[in-house]
Protein backbone atom coordinates (compact mmCIF):
# COMPACT_ATOMS: atom_id res chain seq x y z
CA MET A 1 101.18 198.62 -54.43
CA GLY A 2 101.95 201.78 -56.37
CA ILE A 3 105.55 200.81 -57.22
CA ARG A 4 106.40 201.63 -60.84
CA PRO A 5 109.30 199.83 -62.56
CA GLY A 6 111.59 202.32 -64.21
CA HIS A 7 110.47 205.06 -61.78
CA ASP A 8 110.44 203.73 -58.21
CA MET A 9 112.64 200.69 -58.83
CA ALA A 10 114.93 199.33 -61.54
CA VAL A 11 114.32 195.98 -63.22
CA THR A 12 117.18 194.33 -65.11
CA VAL A 13 117.28 190.87 -66.69
CA ILE A 14 120.39 188.76 -67.21
CA VAL A 15 120.11 187.88 -70.92
CA ASP A 16 118.59 190.19 -73.53
CA THR A 17 115.93 188.61 -75.75
CA PRO A 18 113.72 190.20 -78.41
CA LEU A 19 110.81 190.01 -75.94
CA CYS A 20 112.48 192.47 -73.53
CA ARG A 21 111.52 195.46 -75.67
CA TYR A 22 107.83 194.49 -75.70
CA PHE A 23 107.29 194.54 -71.92
CA SER A 24 105.88 197.69 -70.37
CA PRO A 25 108.17 199.26 -69.44
CA ALA A 26 110.73 197.78 -71.84
CA LEU A 27 113.23 195.74 -69.80
CA THR A 28 116.85 196.75 -69.37
CA ALA A 29 119.04 193.72 -70.02
CA PHE A 30 122.58 192.42 -70.27
CA ARG A 31 123.60 191.07 -73.69
CA PRO A 32 126.42 188.51 -73.76
CA ALA A 33 128.48 187.86 -76.89
CA LEU A 34 127.10 184.36 -77.36
CA GLU A 35 129.20 183.14 -80.30
CA PRO A 36 132.65 183.94 -78.83
CA MET A 37 131.43 182.72 -75.44
CA GLY A 38 130.27 179.42 -76.94
CA GLN A 39 133.58 178.94 -78.74
CA ARG A 40 135.54 179.60 -75.56
CA LEU A 41 133.32 177.28 -73.54
CA ALA A 42 133.98 174.48 -76.06
CA GLU A 43 137.74 175.11 -75.74
CA MET A 44 137.48 175.03 -71.95
CA LEU A 45 135.47 171.80 -72.05
CA LEU A 46 138.03 170.11 -74.30
CA ALA A 47 140.90 171.35 -72.10
CA SER A 48 139.23 169.75 -69.08
CA LEU A 49 139.19 166.29 -70.69
CA PRO A 50 142.21 164.10 -69.88
CA ALA A 51 142.82 163.27 -73.58
CA PHE A 52 143.20 166.98 -74.45
CA ALA A 53 144.91 168.18 -71.26
CA GLY A 54 148.55 169.18 -71.22
CA PRO A 55 151.26 167.34 -69.28
CA GLU A 56 150.12 168.99 -66.03
CA GLY A 57 146.68 167.39 -66.43
CA PRO A 58 143.24 168.98 -66.48
CA ARG A 59 142.94 172.35 -64.80
CA ILE A 60 140.14 174.48 -63.45
CA ILE A 61 139.55 177.58 -65.54
CA ARG A 62 137.66 180.62 -64.32
CA GLU A 63 136.93 183.49 -66.65
CA VAL A 64 134.78 186.60 -66.64
CA TRP A 65 133.22 187.63 -69.92
CA PRO A 66 132.12 191.15 -70.80
CA LEU A 67 128.43 191.93 -71.12
CA GLU A 68 126.81 194.79 -72.99
CA LEU A 69 124.18 196.71 -71.02
CA VAL A 70 121.08 197.42 -73.12
CA ALA A 71 119.39 200.27 -71.25
CA ARG A 72 115.65 200.52 -71.77
CA ASP A 73 112.79 202.06 -69.80
CA SER A 74 113.00 199.80 -66.73
CA ASP A 75 116.30 201.18 -65.41
């Protein structure tokens, strides 16, 4: 096809893994802060359970977490 990632098009993956740097070209990726995200998800899960909910009852929580962009050769 003649399309070259990193030159003619950008390729970005959602979660950075050690393998991303070994692709050719190395893949640009987003890196989430997994430990704080996991802690917050556990808090949100507990808050959604009736036994842990406040007097208003369980609530729907929506949050956006920051991601770090790891720019490599595929961008």
